[in-house]
Protein backbone atom coordinates (compact mmCIF):
# COMPACT_ATOMS: atom_id res chain seq x y z
CA MET A 1 39.61 6.34 -23.28
CA ASP A 2 37.95 3.25 -23.34
CA VAL A 3 35.70 2.93 -20.32
CA GLY A 4 33.70 -0.19 -20.66
CA VAL A 5 30.22 -0.76 -20.94
CA TYR A 6 28.18 2.29 -20.37
CA ARG A 7 26.03 2.23 -17.01
CA LYS A 8 23.66 4.77 -17.92
CA PHE A 9 21.35 5.31 -15.10
CA TYR A 10 24.16 5.46 -12.71
CA VAL A 11 26.03 7.86 -14.89
CA GLU A 12 23.39 10.23 -15.57
CA GLU A 13 22.52 10.33 -11.80
CA LEU A 14 26.16 11.39 -10.99
CA VAL A 15 26.38 13.81 -13.89
CA ARG A 16 23.46 15.29 -12.69
CA GLN A 17 25.13 15.80 -9.39
CA ARG A 18 27.81 17.85 -10.76
CA LYS A 19 26.21 21.08 -9.93
CA LEU A 20 25.50 20.14 -6.08
CA LYS A 21 28.10 21.41 -3.93
CA GLU A 22 27.95 18.23 -1.63
CA ALA A 23 30.59 15.63 -2.40
CA SER A 24 28.93 12.51 -4.28
CA VAL A 25 29.50 9.44 -2.16
CA VAL A 26 29.28 6.03 -4.41
CA LEU A 27 29.11 3.07 -2.15
CA GLY A 28 28.71 -0.41 -3.08
CA VAL A 29 30.38 -4.10 -2.63
CA ARG A 30 33.86 -4.44 -4.28
CA ARG A 31 33.78 -5.38 -8.02
CA SER A 32 30.44 -3.88 -8.60
CA GLY A 33 31.91 -1.45 -10.96
CA LYS A 34 32.24 1.75 -9.01
CA SER A 35 35.23 2.66 -10.31
CA THR A 36 34.18 2.11 -14.05
CA ILE A 37 31.24 4.20 -13.66
CA LEU A 38 33.05 6.94 -12.06
CA LEU A 39 35.54 7.07 -15.18
CA GLN A 40 32.42 6.99 -17.45
CA VAL A 41 31.19 10.24 -15.49
CA LEU A 42 34.87 11.98 -15.93
CA LYS A 43 34.48 10.80 -19.91
CA HIS A 44 31.04 12.31 -19.91
CA LEU A 45 32.41 15.32 -18.59
CA ILE A 46 35.20 15.75 -20.96
CA ASP A 47 33.17 15.29 -23.89
CA SER A 48 30.69 17.58 -23.01
CA GLY A 49 33.57 20.50 -22.84
CA VAL A 50 35.37 20.24 -19.25
CA PRO A 51 38.87 20.45 -20.32
CA ARG A 52 40.81 17.20 -19.55
CA LYS A 53 43.14 18.74 -16.92
CA ASN A 54 40.39 19.77 -14.79
CA THR A 55 39.77 16.24 -13.82
CA LEU A 56 41.75 14.27 -11.35
CA TYR A 57 41.29 10.72 -10.57
CA ILE A 58 43.08 8.84 -7.48
CA ASN A 59 42.74 5.16 -6.87
CA PHE A 60 44.02 4.57 -3.66
CA GLU A 61 43.96 0.53 -4.15
CA GLU A 62 46.93 1.22 -5.96
CA PRO A 63 49.70 -1.01 -4.71
CA SER A 64 52.55 1.51 -4.89
CA PHE A 65 50.66 3.73 -2.59
CA ASP A 66 50.34 1.45 0.25
CA ALA A 67 53.13 2.63 2.35
CA HIS A 68 51.86 6.29 1.84
CA LEU A 69 48.26 6.06 2.92
CA ASN A 70 47.67 9.22 5.19
CA LEU A 71 46.35 12.93 5.14
CA ASP A 72 49.74 14.50 4.20
CA PHE A 73 50.06 12.16 1.28
CA LEU A 74 46.55 13.13 -0.05
CA ILE A 75 47.21 16.66 0.36
CA LYS A 76 50.68 16.41 -1.44
CA ILE A 77 48.98 14.83 -4.57
CA TYR A 78 46.62 17.54 -4.76
CA GLN A 79 49.28 20.33 -4.63
CA ALA A 80 51.45 18.38 -7.22
CA TYR A 81 48.32 18.40 -9.50
CA LEU A 82 47.41 21.83 -9.15
CA GLU A 83 51.49 22.80 -9.78
CA THR A 84 51.62 20.25 -12.82
CA PHE A 85 48.30 21.27 -14.80
CA ASP A 86 47.22 24.43 -13.32
CA PRO A 87 43.60 24.04 -13.98
CA GLN A 88 41.41 27.01 -14.41
CA GLY A 89 37.64 26.90 -13.13
CA LYS A 90 35.86 23.95 -11.46
CA ILE A 91 37.89 20.94 -10.91
CA TYR A 92 36.44 17.33 -10.69
CA ILE A 93 38.05 15.06 -8.26
CA VAL A 94 37.29 11.23 -7.85
CA LEU A 95 38.92 9.72 -4.56
CA ASP A 96 38.16 5.96 -5.33
CA GLU A 97 38.20 3.74 -2.27
CA VAL A 98 39.00 6.91 0.13
CA HIS A 99 38.13 5.14 3.10
CA GLN A 100 41.93 3.59 2.68
CA VAL A 101 43.32 7.12 3.74
CA PRO A 102 42.93 7.82 7.56
CA GLN A 103 41.33 11.55 7.96
CA TRP A 104 40.59 11.80 4.30
CA GLU A 105 37.42 13.53 5.61
CA LYS A 106 39.80 16.48 6.79
CA PHE A 107 40.95 16.97 3.32
CA VAL A 108 37.62 17.27 1.75
CA ARG A 109 35.90 19.38 4.53
CA GLY A 110 39.37 21.71 4.19
CA LEU A 111 38.67 22.13 0.51
CA TYR A 112 35.10 22.99 1.14
CA ASP A 113 35.86 25.66 3.92
CA ARG A 114 38.36 27.29 1.66
CA ASN A 115 35.36 27.58 -0.87
CA GLU A 116 37.56 26.15 -3.78
CA ASN A 117 35.84 25.54 -6.82
CA VAL A 118 35.97 21.52 -6.44
CA LYS A 119 33.34 18.88 -6.92
CA PHE A 120 34.14 15.75 -5.14
CA TYR A 121 33.11 11.98 -6.22
CA LEU A 122 34.13 9.37 -3.45
CA THR A 123 33.96 5.81 -3.64
CA GLY A 124 34.18 3.26 -1.17
CA SER A 125 33.17 -0.82 -0.24
CA SER A 126 32.04 0.28 3.39
CA ALA A 127 28.80 2.00 4.42
CA SER A 128 30.82 2.89 7.31
CA LEU A 129 31.95 6.15 4.72
CA LEU A 130 28.61 7.57 5.83
CA SER A 131 29.01 6.74 9.66
CA PRO A 132 28.85 9.49 12.48
CA GLU A 133 32.36 9.45 12.69
CA PHE A 134 32.77 11.01 9.08
CA GLY A 135 29.29 12.64 9.29
CA SER A 136 30.22 14.88 12.08
CA VAL A 137 33.03 16.30 10.04
CA LEU A 138 31.23 16.31 6.77
CA THR A 139 27.66 17.51 8.11
CA GLY A 140 25.73 18.34 5.05
CA ARG A 141 28.68 18.06 2.45
CA ILE A 142 27.68 14.24 1.31
CA TYR A 143 25.08 13.28 -1.37
CA SER A 144 25.20 9.45 -1.25
CA ASN A 145 24.44 6.94 -4.16
CA GLU A 146 24.47 3.06 -3.81
CA VAL A 147 26.07 1.10 -6.85
CA PHE A 148 24.70 -2.76 -7.11
CA PRO A 149 26.16 -5.28 -9.48
CA LEU A 150 24.50 -5.67 -12.84
CA ASP A 151 20.56 -6.27 -12.53
CA PHE A 152 19.53 -8.86 -15.43
CA ILE A 153 18.71 -5.98 -18.11
CA GLU A 154 22.25 -4.85 -17.64
CA PHE A 155 23.36 -8.27 -17.86
CA LEU A 156 21.60 -8.55 -21.10
CA GLU A 157 23.08 -5.66 -22.72
CA PHE A 158 26.63 -6.28 -21.55
CA GLN A 159 26.17 -9.55 -23.48
CA GLY A 160 24.55 -7.58 -26.66
CA LYS A 161 21.49 -9.78 -26.04
CA LYS A 162 19.06 -7.14 -24.75
CA SER A 163 16.73 -7.76 -28.14
CA LEU A 164 15.87 -11.21 -26.28
CA LEU A 165 13.55 -8.98 -24.04
CA ASP A 166 12.03 -7.32 -27.11
CA SER A 167 10.85 -10.82 -28.97
CA THR A 168 9.66 -12.20 -25.43
CA ILE A 169 6.19 -11.48 -25.90
CA SER A 170 5.65 -12.66 -29.50
CA LYS A 171 8.20 -15.59 -29.58
CA GLY A 172 8.20 -17.03 -26.01
CA LEU A 173 10.48 -17.10 -23.24
CA SER A 174 12.85 -19.93 -23.72
CA GLY A 175 15.89 -17.98 -24.88
CA LEU A 176 15.39 -15.53 -22.04
CA ARG A 177 14.75 -18.13 -19.49
CA TYR A 178 18.05 -19.55 -20.43
CA GLN A 179 19.89 -16.19 -20.09
CA PHE A 180 17.89 -15.53 -16.65
CA LYS A 181 19.33 -18.81 -15.03
CA ARG A 182 22.72 -18.05 -16.28
CA TYR A 183 22.17 -14.65 -14.57
CA LEU A 184 20.79 -16.43 -11.40
CA LYS A 185 23.61 -18.94 -11.54
CA PHE A 186 26.60 -16.83 -12.00
CA GLY A 187 25.35 -12.83 -10.94
CA GLY A 188 25.83 -9.67 -12.11
CA PHE A 189 29.52 -8.63 -11.44
CA PRO A 190 30.49 -6.89 -14.32
CA GLN A 191 33.69 -8.67 -14.92
CA VAL A 192 32.32 -12.19 -14.45
CA VAL A 193 29.60 -11.42 -16.82
CA LEU A 194 32.31 -10.65 -19.68
CA THR A 195 34.48 -13.29 -18.53
CA LYS A 196 33.61 -16.62 -20.96
CA ALA A 197 34.38 -19.78 -19.34
CA ASP A 198 32.21 -21.02 -16.79
CA ARG A 199 34.95 -22.20 -14.82
CA ASP A 200 36.55 -18.72 -15.07
CA LYS A 201 33.40 -17.17 -13.84
CA THR A 202 33.32 -19.32 -10.67
CA GLN A 203 36.78 -18.77 -9.45
CA LEU A 204 36.43 -14.80 -9.98
CA LEU A 205 33.45 -15.00 -7.54
CA LYS A 206 35.50 -16.97 -5.26
CA ASP A 207 38.20 -14.69 -5.51
CA TYR A 208 35.97 -11.89 -5.04
CA TYR A 209 34.23 -13.62 -2.02
CA MET A 210 37.43 -14.18 -0.22
CA ALA A 211 38.39 -10.59 -1.03
CA ILE A 212 35.47 -9.24 0.71
CA ILE A 213 36.08 -11.15 4.06
CA GLU A 214 39.73 -11.17 4.22
CA LYS A 215 40.40 -7.55 2.77
CA ASP A 216 36.88 -5.59 3.80
CA ILE A 217 36.23 -7.54 7.03
CA VAL A 218 39.30 -9.00 8.62
CA GLN A 219 41.72 -6.26 7.93
CA ARG A 220 39.18 -3.22 8.28
CA TYR A 221 37.81 -4.48 11.46
CA GLN A 222 40.72 -6.48 12.84
CA VAL A 223 38.96 -9.80 13.38
CA ARG A 224 41.24 -12.03 15.20
CA ASP A 225 38.91 -15.01 14.87
CA ILE A 226 39.05 -16.01 11.31
CA LYS A 227 37.96 -19.16 11.24
CA LYS A 228 34.88 -18.29 12.94
CA LEU A 229 34.32 -15.35 10.87
CA ARG A 230 34.59 -17.81 7.89
CA GLU A 231 32.37 -20.15 9.45
CA PHE A 232 29.69 -17.20 10.19
CA CYS A 233 29.85 -15.91 6.46
CA LEU A 234 29.36 -19.22 4.83
CA ASN A 235 26.61 -19.98 6.88
CA LEU A 236 24.76 -16.45 6.15
CA VAL A 237 25.43 -16.78 2.51
CA THR A 238 24.31 -20.36 2.00
CA ASN A 239 20.82 -19.20 3.88
CA ILE A 240 19.84 -16.45 1.68
CA ALA A 241 16.17 -15.62 2.04
CA THR A 242 15.56 -17.19 5.48
CA THR A 243 15.62 -15.33 9.01
CA PHE A 244 18.76 -14.54 10.94
CA SER A 245 18.97 -15.36 14.82
CA GLY A 246 22.04 -14.74 16.95
CA TYR A 247 20.62 -17.42 19.10
CA ARG A 248 20.27 -20.10 16.53
CA THR A 249 23.88 -19.13 15.15
CA GLU A 250 25.24 -19.65 18.86
CA LYS A 251 23.64 -22.87 18.85
CA LYS A 252 25.08 -24.27 15.60
CA LEU A 253 28.29 -22.43 14.84
CA LYS A 254 29.55 -22.07 18.68
CA ILE A 255 29.78 -18.23 18.23
CA SER A 256 28.20 -16.00 21.07
CA GLN A 257 25.17 -14.09 20.03
CA PRO A 258 27.21 -10.58 20.57
CA THR A 259 30.04 -11.88 18.12
CA ALA A 260 27.45 -13.26 15.64
CA ASN A 261 25.60 -9.71 15.73
CA LYS A 262 28.82 -8.15 15.50
CA PHE A 263 29.85 -10.38 12.51
CA LEU A 264 26.38 -9.52 10.80
CA GLU A 265 27.16 -5.78 11.13
CA TYR A 266 30.38 -6.29 9.68
CA THR A 267 28.86 -8.43 6.30
CA LYS A 268 26.25 -5.59 6.06
CA ASP A 269 28.65 -2.63 6.30
CA VAL A 270 30.67 -3.87 3.49
CA TYR A 271 27.75 -4.88 1.20
CA LEU A 272 28.21 -8.92 1.34
CA VAL A 273 24.68 -9.01 2.57
CA GLN A 274 21.72 -6.87 3.22
CA GLU A 275 18.72 -7.61 5.69
CA ILE A 276 15.28 -6.45 5.83
CA ASN A 277 12.91 -6.18 9.32
CA TYR A 278 9.73 -7.89 10.19
CA PHE A 279 7.05 -5.03 9.48
CA ALA A 280 5.15 -3.90 12.83
CA TYR A 281 3.96 -0.38 13.09
CA SER A 282 5.28 -0.73 16.75
CA PHE A 283 9.11 -0.41 16.57
CA ALA A 284 9.63 -2.74 19.57
CA ARG A 285 7.63 -5.42 18.15
CA GLN A 286 9.59 -4.98 15.07
CA LYS A 287 12.97 -5.54 16.78
CA VAL A 288 11.76 -8.55 18.52
CA ASN A 289 11.25 -10.28 15.35
CA PRO A 290 14.37 -11.50 13.72
CA THR A 291 15.65 -10.00 10.47
CA LYS A 292 15.83 -11.69 6.84
CA ILE A 293 19.00 -12.03 4.85
CA TYR A 294 19.64 -11.45 1.42
CA ALA A 295 23.20 -11.48 -0.71
CA ILE A 296 24.20 -8.51 -2.47
CA ASP A 297 24.45 -10.60 -5.67
CA PRO A 298 23.18 -14.15 -6.57
CA GLY A 299 26.64 -15.23 -7.89
CA LEU A 300 28.11 -14.81 -4.36
CA TYR A 301 25.77 -17.79 -3.41
CA ARG A 302 26.99 -20.15 -6.34
CA ALA A 303 30.58 -19.10 -5.16
CA VAL A 304 30.29 -21.05 -1.73
CA SER A 305 27.17 -23.34 -2.46
CA PHE A 306 27.00 -26.24 -4.72
CA ARG A 307 23.34 -26.61 -4.06
CA PHE A 308 22.12 -24.21 -7.03
CA SER A 309 19.35 -26.16 -8.57
CA GLN A 310 17.94 -26.85 -5.36
CA ASN A 311 17.53 -23.55 -4.24
CA LEU A 312 16.53 -21.73 -6.95
CA GLY A 313 13.24 -20.51 -5.36
CA ARG A 314 15.41 -18.58 -2.36
CA ILE A 315 17.72 -17.36 -5.24
CA PHE A 316 15.01 -16.13 -7.28
CA GLU A 317 13.46 -14.21 -4.38
CA ASN A 318 16.92 -12.88 -3.37
CA MET A 319 16.97 -11.45 -6.83
CA VAL A 320 13.36 -9.98 -6.67
CA TYR A 321 14.73 -8.43 -3.48
CA LEU A 322 17.22 -6.69 -5.05
CA SER A 323 15.27 -5.55 -7.85
CA LEU A 324 13.40 -3.68 -5.35
CA ARG A 325 16.11 -2.22 -3.45
CA ARG A 326 17.33 -0.75 -6.60
CA GLN A 327 14.57 1.08 -6.89
CA GLN A 328 15.07 2.40 -3.48
CA LYS A 329 12.29 1.05 -1.91
CA GLU A 330 11.65 0.41 1.89
CA VAL A 331 11.24 -3.50 2.01
CA PHE A 332 10.16 -5.81 5.14
CA TYR A 333 8.45 -9.04 5.37
CA TRP A 334 5.41 -9.81 7.36
CA LYS A 335 3.95 -13.30 8.62
CA ASN A 336 1.00 -14.21 10.57
CA GLY A 337 0.39 -17.79 10.19
CA HIS A 338 1.29 -17.33 6.64
CA GLU A 339 4.62 -15.76 5.35
CA VAL A 340 4.75 -12.56 2.98
CA ASP A 341 8.04 -12.13 1.16
CA PHE A 342 7.86 -8.43 0.72
CA VAL A 343 6.05 -5.52 2.11
CA VAL A 344 6.84 -2.10 0.57
CA ARG A 345 6.20 1.01 2.12
CA ASP A 346 5.98 4.49 0.52
CA GLY A 347 6.26 7.14 3.39
CA THR A 348 3.62 6.33 5.93
CA LYS A 349 1.70 3.84 3.63
CA ILE A 350 1.80 0.04 2.24
CA SER A 351 1.97 0.35 -1.29
CA ARG A 352 2.70 -3.19 -2.53
CA ILE A 353 2.22 -6.95 -0.95
CA ILE A 354 4.61 -9.35 -2.73
CA ASN A 355 5.18 -13.35 -3.04
CA VAL A 356 7.71 -14.76 -4.62
CA CYS A 357 7.41 -18.49 -5.97
CA TRP A 358 9.94 -20.06 -8.62
CA GLU A 359 7.21 -22.46 -9.52
CA LEU A 360 3.68 -22.62 -8.90
CA ASN A 361 2.37 -26.00 -7.89
CA GLU A 362 -0.73 -27.81 -6.28
CA GLU A 363 1.27 -28.15 -3.07
CA ASN A 364 2.05 -24.24 -2.48
CA LYS A 365 -0.16 -22.38 -4.79
CA GLN A 366 -2.97 -21.83 -2.16
CA ARG A 367 -0.29 -21.06 0.64
CA GLU A 368 1.10 -18.38 -1.17
CA ILE A 369 -2.35 -17.05 -2.19
CA ASP A 370 -3.67 -17.49 1.56
CA GLY A 371 -0.61 -15.73 2.94
CA LEU A 372 -1.40 -12.69 0.32
CA LYS A 373 -5.00 -12.43 1.67
CA GLU A 374 -4.07 -12.14 5.11
CA ALA A 375 -1.58 -9.50 4.08
CA MET A 376 -4.71 -7.58 2.22
CA SER A 377 -7.05 -7.78 4.79
CA LYS A 378 -4.45 -6.48 7.37
CA PHE A 379 -3.29 -3.57 5.34
CA LYS A 380 -6.65 -3.13 3.62
CA LEU A 381 -5.11 -3.14 -0.02
CA LYS A 382 -7.32 -4.29 -2.58
CA GLY A 383 -4.21 -5.59 -4.51
CA ALA A 384 -1.26 -7.66 -4.32
CA GLU A 385 1.41 -9.73 -6.48
CA LEU A 386 2.76 -13.13 -6.59
CA ILE A 387 5.69 -13.29 -8.96
CA THR A 388 6.83 -16.42 -10.71
CA MET A 389 8.22 -17.89 -13.64
CA GLY A 390 4.73 -19.52 -14.64
CA TYR A 391 1.86 -18.20 -16.48
CA PRO A 392 0.04 -15.06 -15.44
CA GLU A 393 -3.36 -15.06 -14.01
CA ASN A 394 -5.57 -12.66 -11.94
CA ILE A 395 -7.34 -14.37 -9.06
CA MET A 396 -10.60 -12.29 -8.19
CA PHE A 397 -12.06 -12.42 -4.86
CA ASN A 398 -14.45 -10.00 -2.76
CA GLY A 399 -13.72 -6.73 -5.09
CA LYS A 400 -9.81 -7.74 -4.68
CA THR A 401 -7.32 -8.84 -7.02
CA ILE A 402 -4.09 -10.87 -6.66
CA GLN A 403 -1.98 -10.44 -9.65
CA ILE A 404 0.06 -13.82 -10.66
CA LYS A 405 2.92 -12.17 -12.86
CA ASN A 406 5.72 -13.69 -14.75
CA TYR A 407 8.74 -11.82 -14.15
CA LEU A 408 10.07 -12.21 -17.41
CA GLN A 409 7.35 -10.64 -18.86
CA MET A 410 6.80 -8.17 -16.40
CA LEU A 411 10.65 -6.95 -17.66
CA ALA A 412 9.67 -7.11 -21.39
CA GLN A 413 6.76 -5.05 -20.82
CA SER A 414 8.68 -2.55 -18.74
CA SER A 415 11.48 -2.07 -21.40
CA VAL A 416 9.06 -1.16 -24.23
């Protein structure tokens, strides 16, 4: 069974969860590779001794299912499976894009309540899969996982070019920098990465972007003013790494603040964008400040904007944010005169302060450093990071250190 390029981190974690009674929920933007990852999990289980007939995979985006998507249909599929294969022992069931089936949660709950020897893997492209509506039915029965498009190391692996990282330190960065710019330009959606021609990559990204709007937002939330939604999403994605304001949106796009805020929630729910809050110890103060917006993949910016070269800095910042989120970090921004791009919190403590700058020069270097100094004083830290594509350097002052780090060298060192 050909299941594509192995995504080790996700597959190993989901295989580990096979022993958990809870249903493993796998969420992420459409086309990020959720289905392939679950097929890889099933293959891993079969290769490790699970009988093939003890695995069931159902994709609810199968067009022939469209007229039958209801709870009764789901029950009939399961009964037909049992009657046909008579599996003995534990059964592993993947319900792919399960949110397409109304009342699916009752089916899952029913099997758990009957203590059937079943492990569920559920995928969806909507965070509402974990909403209180479903949570009340499946309380204590869900273990959530988030899947992202490929990071840069996976991007290299998919192309057989990971060896570029191994030679980075001794042989320079030119080959790696070329691939990195390609990654920033076209992103990490698996099928886009595997597609050869640039024009086809671009068309795929446009198709993905429109499918997210048309299928995941318009149909799911029954949006009536589709034109306004499209304008809103275009404005949102082309202004990544900037703050979002319902008031500014109302003035610029003539969309009321309540509607703008509702549209933002939709885009977050389907993983088109993510947002981070201003860091403040007071929740009230945190909420009066605007949030910052980041796209789920740099390629989506490319899909709707022709200003790639001019906005490399913001795309780079977006990518660093995604790196932190993949590590399941709790990320904020902070501003007090100068802005700090990322404040990372572990529990109740601030663990890292990070600024991101594609290219340091005489005009921006001092500004970036001053912002980090302010934040170090505020949060009583002795270290901070300035991530860039330039040369590494340590700036020492008053017993404190700002590390200027080359992003690609960081990756090379971490992969050793």
